[in-house]
């Protein structure tokens, strides 16, 4: 929810900054689910995380495609294929929607302790 406040300050919280902040939340949600299931992803890209989850249970196809799209915007794990695409203000809404969907997915799969 704190990231939503960034929308009110777009000169600081640019789409790329929002991608990174929201991306960290997505990673943490998926890692919580994977660790709960004693699994590790091959890497920590959104696609790798989603693929690891798909080895355990079904994942909505639209959510998977949104995660792949988010991955395509920023590829910083390889020194050889380093790429950051231009992100648009409209993309930020997709980032929030995707994160919300990941959170809802995980909330329904991990019992409260």
Protein backbone atom coordinates (compact mmCIF):
# COMPACT_ATOMS: atom_id res chain seq x y z
CA UNK A 1 0.00 0.00 0.00
CA UNK A 2 2.87 2.41 0.63
CA UNK A 3 3.88 2.21 -3.01
CA UNK A 4 0.49 3.67 -3.96
CA UNK A 5 1.59 6.96 -2.39
CA UNK A 6 4.36 7.16 -4.98
CA UNK A 7 1.78 7.77 -7.70
CA UNK A 8 1.30 11.23 -6.21
CA UNK A 9 4.97 12.09 -6.74
CA UNK A 10 5.74 10.91 -10.31
CA UNK A 11 8.86 13.05 -10.69
CA UNK A 12 10.54 10.87 -8.05
CA UNK A 13 8.58 7.65 -8.34
CA UNK A 14 9.03 7.14 -12.05
CA UNK A 15 7.66 4.00 -13.73
CA UNK A 16 11.08 2.32 -13.47
CA UNK A 17 11.30 3.08 -9.74
CA UNK A 18 7.77 1.77 -9.26
CA UNK A 19 8.67 -1.36 -11.27
CA UNK A 20 11.55 -2.02 -8.88
CA UNK A 21 9.60 -1.34 -5.67
CA UNK A 22 6.58 -3.37 -6.74
CA UNK A 23 8.88 -6.04 -8.15
CA UNK A 24 10.49 -6.52 -4.75
CA UNK A 25 7.05 -7.06 -3.23
CA UNK A 26 6.18 -9.63 -5.91
CA UNK A 27 9.45 -11.44 -5.25
CA UNK A 28 8.81 -11.51 -1.48
CA UNK A 29 5.27 -12.86 -1.90
CA UNK A 30 6.39 -15.63 -4.24
CA UNK A 31 9.41 -16.49 -2.12
CA UNK A 32 7.19 -16.81 0.96
CA UNK A 33 5.01 -19.27 -0.92
CA UNK A 34 7.96 -21.20 -2.31
CA UNK A 35 9.78 -21.41 1.01
CA UNK A 36 6.55 -22.52 2.71
CA UNK A 37 6.54 -25.36 0.17
CA UNK A 38 10.27 -26.00 0.62
CA UNK A 39 11.10 -25.05 -2.95
CA UNK A 40 13.57 -22.65 -4.50
CA UNK A 41 13.35 -20.98 -7.90
CA UNK A 42 16.15 -21.30 -10.43
CA UNK A 43 16.56 -17.52 -10.31
CA UNK A 44 14.61 -14.53 -9.05
CA UNK A 45 13.20 -13.15 -12.27
CA UNK A 46 9.41 -12.94 -12.28
CA UNK A 47 9.24 -15.72 -14.87
CA UNK A 48 11.56 -17.98 -12.86
CA UNK A 49 9.51 -17.39 -9.72
CA UNK A 50 6.26 -18.08 -11.56
CA UNK A 51 7.70 -21.22 -13.16
CA UNK A 52 8.74 -22.52 -9.73
CA UNK A 53 5.22 -21.86 -8.42
CA UNK A 54 3.71 -23.62 -11.45
CA UNK A 55 5.65 -26.77 -10.51
CA UNK A 56 3.60 -26.85 -7.29
CA UNK A 57 0.19 -25.57 -8.36
CA UNK A 58 -1.71 -23.86 -11.14
CA UNK A 59 -1.11 -20.17 -11.76
CA UNK A 60 -3.54 -17.98 -13.68
CA UNK A 61 -2.44 -17.57 -17.31
CA UNK A 62 -3.11 -13.81 -17.34
CA UNK A 63 -1.02 -13.37 -14.21
CA UNK A 64 1.78 -15.41 -15.77
CA UNK A 65 1.69 -13.28 -18.95
CA UNK A 66 1.76 -10.05 -16.91
CA UNK A 67 4.80 -11.32 -15.01
CA UNK A 68 6.55 -12.20 -18.28
CA UNK A 69 5.75 -8.70 -19.57
CA UNK A 70 7.22 -7.13 -16.44
CA UNK A 71 10.32 -9.29 -16.92
CA UNK A 72 10.68 -8.10 -20.50
CA UNK A 73 10.91 -4.48 -19.36
CA UNK A 74 14.01 -4.94 -17.26
CA UNK A 75 16.65 -7.61 -17.71
CA UNK A 76 19.49 -6.78 -15.35
CA UNK A 77 20.65 -10.21 -14.19
CA UNK A 78 23.03 -10.80 -17.07
CA UNK A 79 26.02 -8.64 -17.85
CA UNK A 80 25.74 -9.67 -21.51
CA UNK A 81 22.01 -9.16 -22.07
CA UNK A 82 21.53 -6.14 -19.81
CA UNK A 83 18.41 -4.24 -20.88
CA UNK A 84 16.06 -1.69 -19.40
CA UNK A 85 13.11 -0.72 -21.59
CA UNK A 86 11.25 2.54 -21.45
CA UNK A 87 8.31 2.15 -19.11
CA UNK A 88 5.15 4.20 -19.41
CA UNK A 89 2.95 5.66 -16.71
CA UNK A 90 0.22 3.22 -17.83
CA UNK A 91 2.52 0.32 -17.00
CA UNK A 92 2.45 1.27 -13.32
CA UNK A 93 -1.22 0.32 -13.04
CA UNK A 94 -0.37 -3.10 -14.49
CA UNK A 95 2.47 -3.46 -11.95
CA UNK A 96 0.06 -2.74 -9.08
CA UNK A 97 -2.57 -5.11 -10.49
CA UNK A 98 -0.02 -7.88 -10.93
CA UNK A 99 1.33 -7.44 -7.41
CA UNK A 100 -2.18 -7.48 -5.99
CA UNK A 101 -2.93 -10.69 -7.88
CA UNK A 102 0.27 -12.31 -6.60
CA UNK A 103 -0.57 -11.25 -3.04
CA UNK A 104 -4.10 -12.67 -3.35
CA UNK A 105 -2.71 -15.90 -4.76
CA UNK A 106 -0.25 -16.31 -1.89
CA UNK A 107 -2.77 -15.25 0.76
CA UNK A 108 -5.00 -18.10 -0.37
CA UNK A 109 -2.22 -20.68 -0.26
CA UNK A 110 -0.37 -20.09 3.02
CA UNK A 111 -2.28 -20.64 6.26
CA UNK A 112 -1.92 -18.02 8.95
CA UNK A 113 0.49 -19.00 11.66
